[in-house]
Protein backbone atom coordinates (compact mmCIF):
# COMPACT_ATOMS: atom_id res chain seq x y z
CA MET A 1 -3.57 5.32 -10.64
CA ASP A 2 -0.64 4.41 -9.57
CA PHE A 3 -0.29 4.11 -5.42
CA SER A 4 3.60 3.08 -5.75
CA LEU A 5 5.96 3.74 -2.74
CA SER A 6 8.61 5.92 -3.80
CA ASP A 7 11.86 5.06 -2.32
CA THR A 8 11.79 7.89 0.00
CA GLN A 9 8.32 7.27 1.19
CA LEU A 10 9.35 3.90 1.93
CA GLU A 11 12.55 4.40 3.83
CA VAL A 12 10.17 7.15 5.63
CA GLN A 13 7.53 3.98 6.65
CA GLY A 14 10.58 1.79 7.95
CA LEU A 15 12.07 4.28 9.71
CA VAL A 16 8.56 5.19 11.65
CA ARG A 17 7.46 1.08 11.94
CA LYS A 18 10.78 0.49 13.09
CA ILE A 19 10.18 3.50 15.80
CA LEU A 20 6.60 2.11 16.60
CA GLN A 21 7.66 -1.30 17.02
CA GLU A 22 10.54 -0.42 19.98
CA GLN A 23 8.78 2.45 21.07
CA ALA A 24 4.72 1.71 21.25
CA ASP A 25 4.61 -2.27 21.88
CA ASP A 26 1.80 -3.46 23.78
CA ALA A 27 3.41 -3.64 27.21
CA HIS A 28 4.43 0.02 27.18
CA LEU A 29 0.48 1.01 25.92
CA LYS A 30 -0.73 -0.68 28.96
CA GLU A 31 2.03 1.11 31.26
CA LEU A 32 1.03 4.32 29.68
CA GLU A 33 -2.80 3.00 30.85
CA GLN A 34 -2.36 2.22 34.40
CA ALA A 35 -0.36 5.29 34.07
CA GLY A 36 -3.62 7.75 33.19
CA GLU A 37 -1.44 9.11 30.35
CA ASN A 38 -3.19 9.67 27.00
CA PHE A 39 -0.54 11.33 25.53
CA ASP A 40 3.08 9.56 24.64
CA ARG A 41 4.61 12.84 25.17
CA PRO A 42 8.08 10.98 24.86
CA LEU A 43 7.21 9.17 21.91
CA TRP A 44 5.68 12.96 20.02
CA SER A 45 9.63 13.78 20.90
CA LEU A 46 11.09 11.39 19.66
CA LEU A 47 9.18 11.74 16.49
CA ALA A 48 9.92 15.60 16.16
CA GLU A 49 13.61 14.53 16.16
CA SER A 50 13.52 11.93 14.19
CA GLY A 51 11.91 15.20 11.47
CA LEU A 52 8.64 13.00 10.86
CA LEU A 53 6.42 15.96 12.59
CA GLY A 54 7.37 18.03 9.19
CA LEU A 55 7.12 15.90 7.04
CA ALA A 56 4.27 17.96 4.56
CA LEU A 57 5.56 21.32 5.75
CA ASP A 58 8.21 22.88 3.56
CA GLU A 59 11.99 23.12 4.70
CA ALA A 60 12.08 26.78 5.18
CA GLN A 61 9.26 26.07 7.92
CA GLY A 62 11.88 22.75 9.56
CA GLY A 63 9.74 20.49 7.27
CA ALA A 64 10.70 17.98 4.35
CA ALA A 65 8.35 18.84 1.96
CA LEU A 66 7.11 15.42 1.41
CA GLY A 67 3.71 15.86 0.77
CA PHE A 68 -0.09 14.86 2.07
CA GLU A 69 1.09 11.59 1.01
CA THR A 70 3.91 10.76 2.39
CA LEU A 71 2.52 12.43 6.05
CA CYS A 72 -0.44 9.99 6.37
CA LEU A 73 2.12 7.36 5.74
CA LEU A 74 2.84 8.38 9.61
CA ALA A 75 -0.97 8.12 9.80
CA GLU A 76 -1.19 4.19 8.70
CA GLU A 77 1.32 3.00 11.07
CA CYS A 78 0.31 5.04 14.22
CA GLY A 79 -3.42 3.54 13.48
CA ARG A 80 -0.92 0.23 13.37
CA ARG A 81 0.26 0.50 16.95
CA ALA A 82 -2.90 2.46 18.14
CA ALA A 83 -0.47 4.66 19.62
CA PRO A 84 -1.76 8.06 21.39
CA LEU A 85 -0.50 10.12 19.55
CA PRO A 86 -2.11 13.33 17.70
CA VAL A 87 -1.47 13.01 14.25
CA VAL A 88 -4.48 13.47 12.96
CA PRO A 89 -5.44 17.00 14.55
CA CYS A 90 -2.38 18.36 14.90
CA LEU A 91 -0.79 17.82 11.79
CA ALA A 92 -2.88 16.81 9.10
CA GLY A 93 -6.07 19.28 10.49
CA ALA A 94 -4.61 22.27 11.81
CA ALA A 95 -0.57 22.88 11.05
CA LEU A 96 -1.44 21.46 7.19
CA THR A 97 -4.58 24.28 6.95
CA LEU A 98 -1.81 26.92 8.18
CA HIS A 99 0.53 25.29 5.90
CA LEU A 100 -1.85 25.73 2.75
CA SER A 101 -2.97 29.46 4.07
CA ASP A 102 -1.12 33.20 2.54
CA ASN A 103 -0.57 33.82 6.02
CA GLU A 104 3.15 34.43 6.29
CA GLU A 105 3.50 35.92 9.16
CA GLN A 106 1.51 33.07 11.13
CA ARG A 107 3.20 29.96 8.85
CA GLN A 108 6.38 31.12 10.16
CA ARG A 109 5.23 32.07 14.21
CA TRP A 110 3.72 28.39 14.48
CA LEU A 111 4.67 25.63 11.80
CA PRO A 112 8.52 25.66 12.54
CA ALA A 113 7.33 24.46 16.70
CA VAL A 114 5.23 21.99 15.50
CA ALA A 115 8.26 20.64 13.22
CA THR A 116 10.27 20.13 16.46
CA GLY A 117 7.02 18.86 18.47
CA SER A 118 7.97 22.09 20.99
CA THR A 119 4.49 23.83 20.14
CA LEU A 120 0.95 21.58 19.43
CA LEU A 121 -2.04 23.03 17.55
CA THR A 122 -5.47 21.17 16.95
CA VAL A 123 -8.62 21.83 15.31
CA ALA A 124 -12.19 22.48 16.47
CA ASN A 125 -13.80 20.48 14.02
CA LEU A 126 -17.93 19.92 15.83
CA GLU A 127 -20.20 22.14 18.22
CA PRO A 128 -23.55 20.83 19.75
CA SER A 129 -25.46 21.17 16.95
CA GLY A 130 -23.25 18.87 15.03
CA ALA A 131 -22.75 21.75 12.88
CA GLY A 132 -19.01 21.76 10.59
CA LEU A 133 -16.13 23.55 10.45
CA ARG A 134 -18.16 24.90 7.66
CA THR A 135 -21.02 25.77 8.86
CA PRO A 136 -20.30 26.87 12.28
CA THR A 137 -23.01 28.18 14.95
CA THR A 138 -20.13 30.22 16.82
CA GLN A 139 -20.58 34.11 16.14
CA LEU A 140 -18.15 37.16 16.32
CA ALA A 141 -19.54 39.69 17.80
CA ALA A 142 -18.22 43.71 18.77
CA GLY A 143 -14.75 41.99 18.37
CA ALA A 144 -15.50 38.91 20.67
CA LEU A 145 -16.27 35.43 19.89
CA HIS A 146 -19.68 33.52 21.32
CA GLY A 147 -20.25 29.73 21.23
CA ARG A 148 -19.06 26.33 21.96
CA LYS A 149 -17.10 23.53 20.24
CA HIS A 150 -17.14 19.73 21.36
CA CYS A 151 -15.08 16.87 21.14
CA VAL A 152 -11.90 19.07 20.67
CA ALA A 153 -9.27 16.18 20.44
CA TYR A 154 -5.85 17.36 22.30
CA ALA A 155 -6.92 20.47 23.36
CA GLU A 156 -5.72 20.83 26.77
CA TYR A 157 -1.98 19.89 25.56
CA ALA A 158 -2.48 23.01 22.38
CA GLU A 159 -0.73 25.92 22.56
CA ARG A 160 -3.73 27.00 19.95
CA ILE A 161 -6.94 25.92 18.93
CA LEU A 162 -8.39 26.34 15.00
CA VAL A 163 -11.97 27.77 14.87
CA SER A 164 -14.36 28.86 13.02
CA ALA A 165 -17.36 31.39 13.13
CA LEU A 166 -19.21 33.51 11.65
CA ASP A 167 -18.67 37.36 11.32
CA GLY A 168 -22.63 38.55 10.05
CA ASP A 169 -22.63 36.11 6.93
CA GLU A 170 -18.81 35.67 6.23
CA LEU A 171 -16.89 32.47 7.78
CA LEU A 172 -13.62 33.32 9.50
CA LEU A 173 -11.23 30.27 10.80
CA ALA A 174 -9.06 31.84 13.69
CA TRP A 175 -6.34 30.71 16.76
CA VAL A 176 -7.83 30.92 19.68
CA ASP A 177 -5.23 30.01 22.99
CA PRO A 178 -7.21 27.89 25.55
CA ALA A 179 -5.73 29.69 28.51
CA ALA A 180 -6.73 33.01 27.78
CA PRO A 181 -9.37 34.88 29.22
CA GLY A 182 -12.82 34.43 27.78
CA ALA A 183 -11.64 30.45 26.76
CA SER A 184 -12.33 27.69 28.57
CA LEU A 185 -11.65 24.21 28.36
CA GLU A 186 -13.77 21.05 30.18
CA ALA A 187 -13.12 17.43 29.84
CA GLN A 188 -15.04 15.42 27.82
CA LEU A 189 -15.42 11.36 28.62
CA CYS A 190 -13.97 9.22 25.31
CA THR A 191 -14.26 5.68 24.64
CA THR A 192 -10.87 5.90 23.70
CA ARG A 193 -8.98 7.51 26.37
CA GLU A 194 -7.94 10.05 23.77
CA PRO A 195 -8.11 13.67 25.72
CA GLN A 196 -11.05 15.73 24.58
CA SER A 197 -12.78 18.42 25.60
CA ARG A 198 -15.52 21.24 25.29
CA LEU A 199 -14.23 24.85 24.35
CA THR A 200 -16.54 27.21 25.68
CA LEU A 201 -16.16 31.19 24.02
CA ASP A 202 -17.94 33.75 26.26
CA GLY A 203 -16.63 36.52 25.01
CA TYR A 204 -13.51 35.71 24.17
CA PRO A 205 -11.47 38.83 22.78
CA LEU A 206 -10.09 38.22 18.85
CA GLN A 207 -7.31 40.22 17.51
CA GLU A 208 -6.86 40.76 14.18
CA GLN A 209 -3.65 38.82 14.16
CA GLU A 210 -5.46 35.51 15.15
CA ILE A 211 -7.78 35.96 12.15
CA LEU A 212 -6.42 33.27 9.80
CA ALA A 213 -8.55 33.60 6.95
CA ARG A 214 -11.94 35.35 5.91
CA GLY A 215 -14.56 34.98 3.39
CA GLN A 216 -14.05 32.24 0.03
CA GLN A 217 -10.62 31.89 1.59
CA ALA A 218 -11.68 30.90 4.83
CA GLN A 219 -14.24 28.03 2.96
CA CYS A 220 -11.68 27.25 0.90
CA LEU A 221 -9.36 26.40 4.02
CA ALA A 222 -12.11 24.84 6.19
CA MET A 223 -12.65 22.84 3.34
CA GLU A 224 -9.65 21.17 2.65
CA CYS A 225 -9.10 21.04 6.21
CA GLU A 226 -11.91 18.72 6.33
CA GLN A 227 -10.31 16.44 3.32
CA ARG A 228 -7.41 16.13 4.73
CA GLN A 229 -8.04 14.84 8.28
CA MET A 230 -10.75 12.45 6.87
CA ALA A 231 -7.99 11.42 4.29
CA ALA A 232 -5.89 11.05 7.28
CA LEU A 233 -8.29 9.23 9.40
CA CYS A 234 -8.78 6.41 7.02
CA ALA A 235 -5.49 5.61 6.74
CA PHE A 236 -4.72 5.77 9.85
CA ALA A 237 -7.74 3.52 9.91
CA THR A 238 -6.46 1.30 7.65
CA GLY A 239 -3.82 0.41 9.68
CA MET A 240 -6.03 0.01 12.62
CA THR A 241 -7.87 -2.54 10.38
CA ASP A 242 -4.95 -4.17 9.11
CA THR A 243 -3.27 -4.72 12.58
CA MET A 244 -6.55 -6.21 13.61
CA MET A 245 -7.15 -8.66 10.55
CA ARG A 246 -2.96 -9.81 11.43
CA MET A 247 -4.23 -10.61 14.79
CA THR A 248 -7.05 -12.24 14.17
CA ALA A 249 -5.03 -14.08 11.73
CA SER A 250 -2.44 -15.16 13.82
CA TYR A 251 -4.74 -16.45 16.83
CA THR A 252 -7.34 -18.33 14.79
CA SER A 253 -3.88 -20.38 13.39
CA GLU A 254 -2.89 -21.34 16.91
CA ARG A 255 -6.13 -21.99 18.88
CA GLU A 256 -6.99 -25.29 18.92
CA GLN A 257 -10.76 -26.32 19.20
CA PHE A 258 -11.73 -30.55 18.57
CA GLY A 259 -8.06 -31.16 17.63
CA ARG A 260 -7.84 -28.92 15.25
CA LYS A 261 -6.77 -25.09 14.25
CA ILE A 262 -10.02 -23.44 14.24
CA ALA A 263 -8.37 -21.37 11.19
CA THR A 264 -9.24 -24.63 9.19
CA PHE A 265 -12.63 -24.34 9.92
CA GLN A 266 -14.83 -23.41 6.62
CA ALA A 267 -16.80 -20.02 7.96
CA VAL A 268 -13.98 -19.16 10.67
CA GLY A 269 -11.36 -19.02 6.77
CA GLN A 270 -14.36 -17.38 5.21
CA ARG A 271 -14.81 -14.65 8.27
CA ALA A 272 -11.37 -14.11 7.99
CA ALA A 273 -10.67 -13.62 4.38
CA ASP A 274 -13.52 -11.13 3.99
CA CYS A 275 -11.65 -9.49 7.11
CA TYR A 276 -8.85 -8.93 4.08
CA ILE A 277 -10.95 -8.06 1.13
CA ASP A 278 -12.35 -5.05 3.03
CA VAL A 279 -8.83 -4.04 4.79
CA GLU A 280 -7.76 -4.10 1.00
CA CYS A 281 -11.13 -2.20 0.06
CA LEU A 282 -10.19 0.21 2.95
CA ARG A 283 -6.53 0.57 1.47
CA LEU A 284 -7.79 1.44 -1.97
CA VAL A 285 -10.52 4.10 -1.61
CA SER A 286 -7.91 5.69 0.91
CA GLN A 287 -5.04 5.91 -1.59
CA GLN A 288 -7.42 7.12 -4.25
CA ALA A 289 -8.49 10.27 -1.82
CA ILE A 290 -4.88 10.47 -0.50
CA SER A 291 -3.45 11.02 -3.88
CA LEU A 292 -5.44 13.55 -5.35
CA ILE A 293 -5.47 15.55 -2.14
CA ASP A 294 -1.61 15.45 -2.41
CA ARG A 295 -1.96 16.40 -6.36
CA GLY A 296 -4.28 19.23 -5.86
CA GLN A 297 -6.97 17.58 -7.71
CA ASP A 298 -10.47 17.59 -6.38
CA ALA A 299 -10.89 14.65 -4.23
CA ALA A 300 -14.35 15.97 -2.93
CA ALA A 301 -16.19 12.85 -3.71
CA ALA A 302 -12.98 10.10 -3.86
CA ALA A 303 -13.20 11.50 0.33
CA ALA A 304 -16.55 11.41 0.86
CA VAL A 305 -16.26 7.38 -0.34
CA ALA A 306 -13.16 6.99 1.50
CA LYS A 307 -15.35 7.99 4.15
CA ILE A 308 -18.50 5.46 3.71
CA TRP A 309 -16.10 2.53 3.53
CA CYS A 310 -14.33 3.42 6.57
CA GLY A 311 -17.33 3.86 8.68
CA ASP A 312 -18.26 0.13 7.89
CA ILE A 313 -15.04 -1.34 7.64
CA LEU A 314 -14.46 -0.66 11.00
CA HIS A 315 -17.19 -2.09 12.22
CA ARG A 316 -17.04 -5.28 9.94
CA VAL A 317 -13.46 -5.76 10.71
CA SER A 318 -14.01 -5.38 14.47
CA GLN A 319 -16.85 -7.24 15.07
CA ALA A 320 -15.35 -10.12 13.02
CA SER A 321 -12.21 -9.84 14.43
CA GLN A 322 -14.42 -10.21 18.43
CA HIS A 323 -16.38 -12.93 17.31
CA LEU A 324 -13.27 -14.86 16.17
CA HIS A 325 -11.30 -14.19 19.17
CA GLY A 326 -13.84 -15.26 21.31
CA GLY A 327 -13.78 -14.05 24.84
CA THR A 328 -10.09 -13.56 24.47
CA GLY A 329 -11.04 -10.21 22.33
CA VAL A 330 -12.32 -8.58 25.72
CA ASP A 331 -9.67 -9.38 27.50
CA ARG A 332 -8.26 -6.23 28.88
CA ASP A 333 -5.04 -8.14 29.37
CA TYR A 334 -5.23 -8.21 25.66
CA PRO A 335 -4.16 -5.79 22.91
CA LEU A 336 -7.33 -6.20 20.69
CA HIS A 337 -9.49 -4.75 22.89
CA ARG A 338 -8.11 -1.10 22.67
CA TYR A 339 -8.14 -1.56 18.34
CA CYS A 340 -11.54 -2.18 18.67
CA LEU A 341 -12.45 0.78 21.34
CA LEU A 342 -10.81 2.81 18.95
CA ALA A 343 -12.92 1.26 15.60
CA ARG A 344 -16.20 1.95 17.49
CA GLN A 345 -15.08 5.65 18.34
CA LEU A 346 -14.06 6.51 14.61
CA GLU A 347 -17.36 5.01 13.47
CA LEU A 348 -19.52 7.10 15.41
CA THR A 349 -17.48 10.22 14.84
CA LEU A 350 -17.30 9.23 10.76
CA GLY A 351 -21.18 9.51 11.17
CA SER A 352 -24.26 6.79 9.64
CA SER A 353 -22.88 5.49 5.98
CA ALA A 354 -26.34 5.85 4.78
CA GLN A 355 -26.74 9.21 5.51
CA LEU A 356 -23.32 9.60 3.82
CA THR A 357 -24.36 7.52 0.95
CA GLN A 358 -27.21 9.35 0.15
CA GLU A 359 -25.09 12.85 0.08
CA LEU A 360 -22.88 11.95 -2.20
CA GLY A 361 -25.62 11.26 -4.09
CA GLN A 362 -27.58 13.98 -3.85
CA ARG A 363 -23.93 15.91 -4.65
CA ILE A 364 -23.36 13.21 -7.79
CA ALA A 365 -26.90 14.22 -9.04
CA ALA A 366 -26.35 18.35 -8.94
CA GLU A 367 -23.14 18.11 -10.34
CA ARG A 368 -24.84 16.52 -13.26
CA LEU A 369 -27.66 18.93 -13.56
CA GLU A 370 -25.48 21.67 -13.34
CA LYS A 371 -23.29 20.38 -16.31
CA LEU A 372 -26.55 19.30 -18.23
CA LEU A 373 -27.67 22.81 -17.93
CA GLN A 374 -24.25 24.15 -18.77
CA GLU A 375 -24.41 22.14 -22.19
C-alpha cells in the first residue's frame, strides 16, 4: 500500500505545521497553563479561518472534501505540538459521524458551523460501566433519556454532544444540548488538564429532530465513529511520540558526562534507536488503518492493531524519553513533561494491550470459523 502524500496533502501539512510552530510553541503553551486555560480558542479560530477545520467535510458544508486521511495529518501535527485542541472528539468523532449520516437537515444545520469554528460538537464515548458507543446502558424511556456518560472531552464548550442510548432493544444516536433541562455537566479532573466532564441525563426530553439514527444505521455509524476516533488518536500519538523521540535525540547529543556526549554511549544510542523504530512502526500501522478507512474498506482489524501498538509505544517512548533526559525530563519548565502526561492519559484511554490483543485474536478466529462453515 502506497502511503505517499499527494501534493495537496503536503501543502495542507506544511500550512498546519507553520501555523502550529508559530502559534503553539512552548512559551505559548506555558502561558495557557499559567492562565488555567485548557482550550486554545484563538488557535482553533485561526485553523478555521485557514479552512482546516473542514478538511474532511463536503464543499457544500463549507469544507474542502479532502478526506479522512488529510484530516489525520492535522491530528498528527496537533499531537506534535501537544496542542490543546478538540481535533479528535470534534472533527474525527462527532462531525464526521454526522457527515456520514443521511440526515441532510442536521448536516446542513451543524457542519458549516463546525467548519467556520462557530460551533463545537463532541461525542460521549464512555459510561460508568465502561460501555462504549455501541453498547450503552443509557436508556430512552417515555421519551426521555436517563444515564451517565464519563470523560466527555470539551463538553463544557460544546453546543451539542452525540450520545448513544437504548430504546428497548434498539440502538439510537442523538444530539444532547448540555445546557437544556434534564442534562447537567460536572467537571472531571484529568491528567493533562484536557477539559472533560461527566454528563448526567436525568429525564432529558429527547425530541425527534435530535435523533441522528436508529437501529442498524445507528450501529454502523457508531462503529465508524469509534474507528475514526481511534485512528485519528493514533495519528495524534504518532506526532507526539515523534516529538518526544526527536527532543530526546537533541538533548542526548548536547548533554555531556565524563567528557563525552551521552548520545555516544552505546546503551543510550540503542535506547534512542528503539524509540525511532517504535515511532515508525506506530506510523505505519496508523497509516494502514487510516488509509483503509479513507477508502471505505473494512478497517476493523487494522484499527485494532493500531490501537494495540499505540498504547504500548506511548508507554515505551515516554519511559525511554524520561530516562534519557534524567531529572530534566520531569522539570515542568521543560516541555517533555507535557508529552509524557498526555502519553500516560492516552495509554490508559486506549486500554490494556493484552486484553485488546485477546479481543483481536477472538475476532480473527470467529471470522475464520465463519468462513470455514460457509465453505
